[in-house]
Amino acid sequence: MLKQFFILCSGADTDILNDCSIGEQNKYAGIGATVFFTAVMATIAASYALYTVFDNLYSSIFFGLIWGLLIFNLDRYIVSTIKKRDNIIDEILQATPRIFLAVIIAIVISKPLELKIFEKEINQVLLEQKNDLTLANQNQIAEQFNPKITELEGQILGLQSQIDRKEIEVNALYDTYISEAEGTAGSKLLGKGPVYKEKRDKHDTGLADLQQLKTENKAKITAIETEIANLQTDYTNNVATSQPVIDNFDGLMARITALGELPWLPSFFIFLLFLAIETSPIIAKLLASKGEFDFKLQDQETTIQTWTMQKVAERKLLLKTDNDINNKVYTEIADEEEVMNYKRKKARELMQHQADAFFEKQKSAL
């Protein structure tokens, strides 16, 4: 039962193969098994590749089975259409397009399995890429907010410097009127005289101005700090909003790109493995000698071809003979007087009808 299934997978004509030897049947059963297991590997590879895209197990398995059936049908067609010839060059030329197709199929099948085999290494590369993308994203978003925050912080420093300058000025006035009271500066008179009072009033006025400046600037600084806090909140929200995009940067294309960052030799060997599996039925048919099945198939094909060519030749000969007979018959009757008189009579009637029709047409036009 299993042998018959693999023979069916090989695409061989079972009616012919059943009359062949056991060895010949085993050869095509082996070719069919290769075709079948290649399709199984294609199903597994496609299911994994689609799982990385859809992230749904059942959908991935369903479409993976469809892809596996497609590869099975292609491989079966490729193997079944390669016919053994008497010239090895003709066989190679016949198989060349099919080998190219097998190479393409091998690439398509091997790539998803490479992604699975090197999954841990790919995850490490993706992690590094995600970290780089995260830093780059944060820097790009920061470039949108940092200039404004720096400007606002400069305004705070400017308002604070106004307070500091006013404090220095008020402290200087304080030292002045104290020195006047002590007689160590100014009028050099000890006690609280008119000059002291004048300098004290000037200090008190400056102190009141300082308090008012502190109140006004503090309100301005509070408003600016609130604006800075809002900008920092917006920055944090933008980073948090864009981070899921980076976290999901692990799709099929990203993994293939990450695979390209790894050493190429292991991937190349895996590709060669699948290329050998995919082309093995073709190579086996090219290397195998012309067997019993091939002779019987050739006999059947040439029989049909010869019979068809014979029928075509007979039709051509029949047509030629019929034409020759017709030509001879018409040549013989062309000289008969009775035929000449009849043709003359009909020609005269035709010319009369034409003249009458022309006359009637001209008459109606007047």
Protein backbone atom coordinates (compact mmCIF):
# COMPACT_ATOMS: atom_id res chain seq x y z
CA MET A 1 0.00 0.00 0.00
CA LEU A 2 2.76 2.42 0.97
CA LYS A 3 4.76 1.41 -2.09
CA GLN A 4 1.80 2.12 -4.38
CA PHE A 5 1.33 5.52 -2.72
CA PHE A 6 4.96 6.48 -3.32
CA ILE A 7 4.73 5.27 -6.93
CA LEU A 8 1.72 7.55 -7.32
CA CYS A 9 3.79 10.40 -5.86
CA SER A 10 6.49 9.79 -8.48
CA GLY A 11 4.08 10.60 -11.32
CA ALA A 12 4.92 7.38 -13.18
CA ASP A 13 2.35 5.63 -15.37
CA THR A 14 1.08 2.91 -13.03
CA ASP A 15 -0.46 0.88 -15.88
CA ILE A 16 2.99 0.49 -17.43
CA LEU A 17 4.91 0.24 -14.16
CA ASN A 18 2.73 -2.59 -12.84
CA ASP A 19 4.00 -4.76 -15.69
CA CYS A 20 7.64 -3.97 -14.87
CA SER A 21 10.02 -5.75 -12.52
CA ILE A 22 10.05 -5.24 -8.74
CA GLY A 23 13.36 -3.40 -8.96
CA GLU A 24 11.93 -0.92 -11.43
CA GLN A 25 8.91 -0.37 -9.20
CA ASN A 26 11.16 0.16 -6.16
CA LYS A 27 13.17 2.78 -8.08
CA TYR A 28 10.10 4.87 -8.77
CA ALA A 29 8.77 4.28 -5.25
CA GLY A 30 12.02 5.81 -3.94
CA ILE A 31 11.64 8.80 -6.25
CA GLY A 32 8.05 9.24 -5.10
CA ALA A 33 9.08 9.05 -1.44
CA THR A 34 11.60 11.85 -2.04
CA VAL A 35 8.87 13.96 -3.66
CA PHE A 36 6.50 13.28 -0.75
CA PHE A 37 8.95 14.06 2.04
CA THR A 38 10.08 17.22 0.25
CA ALA A 39 6.44 18.35 0.31
CA VAL A 40 6.27 17.50 4.04
CA MET A 41 9.35 19.66 4.71
CA ALA A 42 7.79 22.43 2.62
CA THR A 43 4.60 22.23 4.72
CA ILE A 44 6.56 22.51 7.97
CA ALA A 45 8.68 25.41 6.66
CA ALA A 46 5.69 27.31 5.29
CA SER A 47 3.66 26.78 8.48
CA TYR A 48 6.47 28.23 10.61
CA ALA A 49 7.00 31.15 8.23
CA LEU A 50 3.28 31.95 8.20
CA TYR A 51 3.10 31.62 11.98
CA THR A 52 5.63 34.43 12.30
CA VAL A 53 3.31 36.52 10.09
CA PHE A 54 -0.21 35.65 11.32
CA ASP A 55 0.67 34.53 14.86
CA ASN A 56 -2.19 32.02 14.59
CA LEU A 57 -1.51 28.29 14.72
CA TYR A 58 -4.54 27.04 12.79
CA SER A 59 -4.26 29.57 9.97
CA SER A 60 -0.55 28.82 9.66
CA ILE A 61 -1.13 25.07 9.45
CA PHE A 62 -3.95 25.49 6.91
CA PHE A 63 -1.98 27.70 4.52
CA GLY A 64 1.14 25.61 5.16
CA LEU A 65 -0.73 22.52 3.94
CA ILE A 66 -1.81 24.40 0.80
CA TRP A 67 1.80 25.41 0.16
CA GLY A 68 2.98 21.82 0.74
CA LEU A 69 0.43 20.51 -1.77
CA LEU A 70 1.60 23.10 -4.27
CA ILE A 71 5.24 22.02 -3.87
CA PHE A 72 4.19 18.35 -4.07
CA ASN A 73 2.37 19.00 -7.35
CA LEU A 74 5.34 20.94 -8.79
CA ASP A 75 7.87 18.27 -7.81
CA ARG A 76 5.66 15.50 -9.15
CA TYR A 77 5.24 17.37 -12.42
CA ILE A 78 8.99 18.03 -12.70
CA VAL A 79 9.90 14.38 -12.14
CA SER A 80 7.17 12.96 -14.36
CA THR A 81 8.02 15.18 -17.33
CA ILE A 82 11.68 14.17 -17.47
CA LYS A 83 11.97 11.42 -20.07
CA LYS A 84 15.01 9.22 -20.61
CA ARG A 85 16.70 9.88 -23.94
CA ASP A 86 19.41 8.12 -25.87
CA ASN A 87 21.66 11.19 -25.55
CA ILE A 88 22.78 12.43 -22.13
CA ILE A 89 23.15 16.01 -23.47
CA ASP A 90 19.49 16.01 -24.49
CA GLU A 91 18.52 14.79 -21.03
CA ILE A 92 20.57 17.52 -19.32
CA LEU A 93 19.07 20.21 -21.58
CA GLN A 94 15.63 18.82 -20.85
CA ALA A 95 16.27 18.90 -17.08
CA THR A 96 17.96 22.33 -16.90
CA PRO A 97 14.77 24.45 -16.56
CA ARG A 98 13.44 22.00 -13.99
CA ILE A 99 16.68 22.20 -12.01
CA PHE A 100 16.37 26.00 -11.93
CA LEU A 101 12.84 25.63 -10.61
CA ALA A 102 14.08 23.12 -8.02
CA VAL A 103 16.72 25.63 -6.86
CA ILE A 104 14.02 28.28 -6.36
CA ILE A 105 11.86 25.83 -4.42
CA ALA A 106 14.85 24.81 -2.27
CA ILE A 107 15.51 28.44 -1.36
CA VAL A 108 11.86 29.01 -0.45
CA ILE A 109 11.72 25.85 1.67
CA SER A 110 15.07 26.24 3.44
CA LYS A 111 14.74 29.90 4.51
CA PRO A 112 11.92 29.45 7.10
CA LEU A 113 13.66 26.42 8.59
CA GLU A 114 16.88 28.41 8.85
CA LEU A 115 14.90 31.01 10.80
CA LYS A 116 13.72 28.31 13.20
CA ILE A 117 17.10 26.58 13.55
CA PHE A 118 18.89 29.87 14.31
CA GLU A 119 16.00 31.33 16.30
CA LYS A 120 18.04 32.04 19.46
CA GLU A 121 20.81 33.79 17.55
CA ILE A 122 18.24 35.77 15.55
CA ASN A 123 16.48 36.80 18.78
CA GLN A 124 19.78 38.13 20.11
CA VAL A 125 20.35 40.16 16.95
CA LEU A 126 16.77 41.44 17.09
CA LEU A 127 17.23 42.42 20.75
CA GLU A 128 20.29 44.49 19.87
CA GLN A 129 18.45 46.08 16.96
CA LYS A 130 15.45 46.85 19.19
CA ASN A 131 17.72 48.48 21.77
CA ASP A 132 19.33 50.61 19.07
CA LEU A 133 15.92 51.52 17.70
CA THR A 134 14.68 52.39 21.19
CA LEU A 135 17.59 54.75 21.81
CA ALA A 136 17.27 56.27 18.37
CA ASN A 137 13.52 56.72 18.85
CA GLN A 138 14.00 58.39 22.23
CA ASN A 139 16.62 60.73 20.77
CA GLN A 140 14.41 61.63 17.82
CA ILE A 141 11.44 62.37 20.06
CA ALA A 142 13.69 64.31 22.47
CA GLU A 143 14.81 66.53 19.60
CA GLN A 144 11.21 67.67 19.30
CA PHE A 145 10.94 68.70 22.99
CA ASN A 146 14.46 69.53 24.20
CA PRO A 147 14.81 72.94 22.45
CA LYS A 148 11.56 74.18 24.00
CA ILE A 149 12.46 72.77 27.44
CA THR A 150 15.93 74.34 27.23
CA GLU A 151 14.36 77.69 26.32
CA LEU A 152 11.95 77.50 29.27
CA GLU A 153 14.74 76.51 31.65
CA GLY A 154 16.69 79.55 30.40
CA GLN A 155 13.70 81.73 31.21
CA ILE A 156 13.65 80.31 34.75
CA LEU A 157 17.35 81.06 35.16
CA GLY A 158 16.74 84.59 33.88
CA LEU A 159 13.93 85.17 36.38
CA GLN A 160 16.02 83.71 39.19
CA SER A 161 18.99 85.88 38.22
CA GLN A 162 16.74 88.95 38.46
CA ILE A 163 15.93 87.95 42.04
CA ASP A 164 19.59 87.31 42.83
CA ARG A 165 20.65 90.69 41.45
CA LYS A 166 17.92 92.44 43.41
CA GLU A 167 18.96 90.60 46.60
CA ILE A 168 22.56 91.69 46.09
CA GLU A 169 21.36 95.25 45.60
CA VAL A 170 19.17 95.15 48.73
CA ASN A 171 21.96 93.55 50.77
CA ALA A 172 24.31 96.32 49.64
CA LEU A 173 21.74 98.95 50.78
CA TYR A 174 21.44 97.12 54.08
CA ASP A 175 25.21 97.19 54.60
CA THR A 176 25.23 100.88 53.68
CA TYR A 177 22.66 102.03 56.21
CA ILE A 178 24.13 99.79 58.94
CA SER A 179 27.57 101.24 58.27
CA GLU A 180 26.04 104.74 58.47
CA ALA A 181 24.51 103.91 61.81
CA GLU A 182 27.79 102.59 63.13
CA GLY A 183 29.74 105.57 61.73
CA THR A 184 32.11 103.36 59.80
CA ALA A 185 31.14 104.72 56.41
CA GLY A 186 29.21 107.52 54.75
CA SER A 187 29.04 110.61 57.03
CA LYS A 188 31.18 108.86 59.71
CA LEU A 189 28.69 110.06 62.33
CA LEU A 190 27.62 107.51 64.91
CA GLY A 191 23.89 107.24 65.39
CA LYS A 192 20.71 107.30 63.34
CA GLY A 193 20.76 110.70 61.76
CA PRO A 194 19.07 112.05 58.61
CA VAL A 195 21.52 110.32 56.30
CA TYR A 196 20.87 107.02 58.04
CA LYS A 197 17.11 107.54 57.66
CA GLU A 198 17.49 108.30 53.98
CA LYS A 199 19.56 105.19 53.38
CA ARG A 200 17.21 103.09 55.53
CA ASP A 201 14.21 104.26 53.49
CA LYS A 202 16.04 103.44 50.31
CA HIS A 203 16.80 99.94 51.63
CA ASP A 204 13.21 99.39 52.74
CA THR A 205 11.94 100.46 49.33
CA GLY A 206 14.38 98.04 47.65
CA LEU A 207 13.37 95.28 50.06
CA ALA A 208 9.70 95.81 49.20
CA ASP A 209 10.57 95.74 45.53
CA LEU A 210 12.52 92.52 46.15
CA GLN A 211 9.55 90.87 47.82
CA GLN A 212 7.26 91.90 44.99
CA LEU A 213 9.79 90.68 42.43
CA LYS A 214 10.08 87.37 44.23
CA THR A 215 6.29 86.99 44.26
CA GLU A 216 5.92 87.84 40.57
CA ASN A 217 8.89 85.77 39.40
CA LYS A 218 7.89 82.83 41.56
CA ALA A 219 4.49 82.78 39.84
CA LYS A 220 6.16 82.98 36.45
CA ILE A 221 8.63 80.24 37.40
CA THR A 222 5.77 78.02 38.61
CA ALA A 223 3.92 78.48 35.32
CA ILE A 224 7.08 77.73 33.34
CA GLU A 225 7.82 74.65 35.44
CA THR A 226 4.26 73.46 34.81
CA GLU A 227 4.81 73.90 31.08
CA ILE A 228 8.10 71.98 31.30
CA ALA A 229 6.36 69.19 33.22
CA ASN A 230 3.67 69.01 30.50
CA LEU A 231 6.35 68.80 27.80
CA GLN A 232 8.13 66.04 29.70
CA THR A 233 4.81 64.20 30.08
CA ASP A 234 4.18 64.53 26.33
CA TYR A 235 7.68 63.20 25.67
CA THR A 236 7.07 60.19 27.93
CA ASN A 237 3.69 59.52 26.27
CA ASN A 238 5.20 59.69 22.78
CA VAL A 239 7.95 57.28 23.77
CA ALA A 240 5.41 54.91 25.35
CA THR A 241 3.15 55.12 22.27
CA SER A 242 5.92 54.35 19.78
CA GLN A 243 7.62 51.66 21.88
CA PRO A 244 5.11 48.87 20.99
CA VAL A 245 6.04 49.35 17.32
CA ILE A 246 9.66 48.66 18.21
CA ASP A 247 8.73 45.77 20.51
CA ASN A 248 6.85 44.13 17.61
CA PHE A 249 9.85 44.47 15.31
CA ASP A 250 10.23 40.72 14.92
CA GLY A 251 8.25 39.90 11.78
CA LEU A 252 9.34 37.69 8.90
CA MET A 253 11.31 40.36 7.05
CA ALA A 254 13.02 41.52 10.26
CA ARG A 255 14.06 37.93 11.02
CA ILE A 256 15.36 37.37 7.51
CA THR A 257 17.37 40.58 7.80
CA ALA A 258 18.68 39.48 11.19
CA LEU A 259 19.62 36.11 9.70
CA GLY A 260 21.73 37.99 7.17
CA GLU A 261 23.73 39.45 10.05
CA LEU A 262 24.82 35.96 11.12
CA PRO A 263 27.70 34.00 9.51
CA TRP A 264 26.62 32.81 6.08
CA LEU A 265 28.29 29.39 6.06
CA PRO A 266 25.80 27.47 8.30
CA SER A 267 22.85 28.88 6.34
CA PHE A 268 24.57 27.97 3.09
CA PHE A 269 25.01 24.35 4.21
CA ILE A 270 21.34 24.12 5.13
CA PHE A 271 20.43 25.51 1.71
CA LEU A 272 22.67 22.91 0.07
CA LEU A 273 20.93 20.19 2.08
CA PHE A 274 17.49 21.21 0.83
CA LEU A 275 18.83 21.76 -2.67
CA ALA A 276 20.13 18.18 -2.62
CA ILE A 277 16.75 16.92 -1.37
CA GLU A 278 14.81 18.92 -3.95
CA THR A 279 16.99 17.98 -6.91
CA SER A 280 17.61 14.36 -5.88
CA PRO A 281 14.65 12.93 -7.87
CA ILE A 282 15.83 14.80 -10.98
CA ILE A 283 19.45 13.78 -10.49
CA ALA A 284 18.38 10.18 -9.83
CA LYS A 285 16.49 10.06 -13.13
CA LEU A 286 19.43 11.62 -14.98
CA LEU A 287 21.97 9.20 -13.49
CA ALA A 288 19.81 6.09 -13.78
CA SER A 289 20.20 3.98 -16.86
CA LYS A 290 17.31 3.54 -19.22
CA GLY A 291 15.14 0.92 -17.55
CA GLU A 292 12.28 -1.35 -18.41
CA PHE A 293 9.69 1.33 -17.65
CA ASP A 294 11.42 3.82 -19.94
CA PHE A 295 11.49 1.35 -22.85
CA LYS A 296 7.82 0.47 -22.42
CA LEU A 297 6.86 4.13 -22.12
CA GLN A 298 8.88 4.96 -25.22
CA ASP A 299 7.25 2.07 -27.05
CA GLN A 300 3.80 3.33 -26.13
CA GLU A 301 4.61 6.93 -27.07
CA THR A 302 6.27 6.02 -30.37
CA THR A 303 3.37 3.72 -31.24
CA ILE A 304 0.90 6.54 -30.81
CA GLN A 305 3.23 8.97 -32.58
CA THR A 306 3.70 6.61 -35.55
CA TRP A 307 -0.03 5.90 -35.80
CA THR A 308 -0.82 9.61 -35.71
CA MET A 309 1.78 10.43 -38.34
CA GLN A 310 0.46 7.61 -40.51
CA LYS A 311 -3.11 8.93 -40.35
CA VAL A 312 -1.92 12.45 -41.16
CA ALA A 313 0.06 11.15 -44.15
CA GLU A 314 -2.97 9.16 -45.37
CA ARG A 315 -5.18 12.23 -45.16
CA LYS A 316 -2.67 14.28 -47.13
CA LEU A 317 -2.41 11.54 -49.77
CA LEU A 318 -6.21 11.26 -49.97
CA LEU A 319 -6.52 15.02 -50.45
CA LYS A 320 -3.86 15.03 -53.17
CA THR A 321 -5.48 12.09 -55.02
CA ASP A 322 -8.90 13.68 -54.84
CA ASN A 323 -7.53 16.95 -56.25
CA ASP A 324 -5.84 15.10 -59.10
CA ILE A 325 -9.05 13.26 -59.99
CA ASN A 326 -11.10 16.46 -59.92
CA ASN A 327 -8.61 18.25 -62.14
CA LYS A 328 -8.67 15.39 -64.63
CA VAL A 329 -12.48 15.23 -64.69
CA TYR A 330 -12.93 18.96 -65.24
CA THR A 331 -10.26 18.96 -67.93
CA GLU A 332 -12.09 16.23 -69.86
CA ILE A 333 -15.55 17.84 -69.74
CA ALA A 334 -14.22 21.32 -70.55
CA ASP A 335 -14.06 20.45 -74.29
CA GLU A 336 -17.61 18.98 -74.59
CA GLU A 337 -19.91 20.96 -76.96
CA GLU A 338 -23.01 20.43 -74.83
CA VAL A 339 -21.36 22.00 -71.80
CA MET A 340 -20.10 24.92 -73.93
CA ASN A 341 -23.59 25.64 -75.29
CA TYR A 342 -25.15 25.47 -71.83
CA LYS A 343 -22.56 27.85 -70.35
CA ARG A 344 -23.07 30.22 -73.34
CA LYS A 345 -26.84 30.25 -72.78
CA LYS A 346 -26.54 31.00 -69.07
CA ALA A 347 -23.94 33.74 -69.69
CA ARG A 348 -26.28 35.41 -72.20
CA GLU A 349 -29.17 35.35 -69.70
CA LEU A 350 -26.93 36.79 -66.98
CA MET A 351 -25.83 39.70 -69.21
CA GLN A 352 -29.46 40.44 -70.13
CA HIS A 353 -30.48 40.56 -66.47
CA GLN A 354 -27.58 42.88 -65.70
CA ALA A 355 -28.56 45.23 -68.57
CA ASP A 356 -32.21 45.28 -67.42
CA ALA A 357 -31.21 46.00 -63.83
CA PHE A 358 -28.89 48.84 -64.89
CA PHE A 359 -31.67 50.35 -67.06
CA GLU A 360 -34.20 50.25 -64.22
CA LYS A 361 -31.76 51.89 -61.81
CA GLN A 362 -30.90 54.70 -64.24
CA LYS A 363 -34.60 55.24 -65.00
CA SER A 364 -35.51 55.58 -61.31
CA ALA A 365 -32.72 58.13 -60.83
CA LEU A 366 -34.29 60.56 -63.44
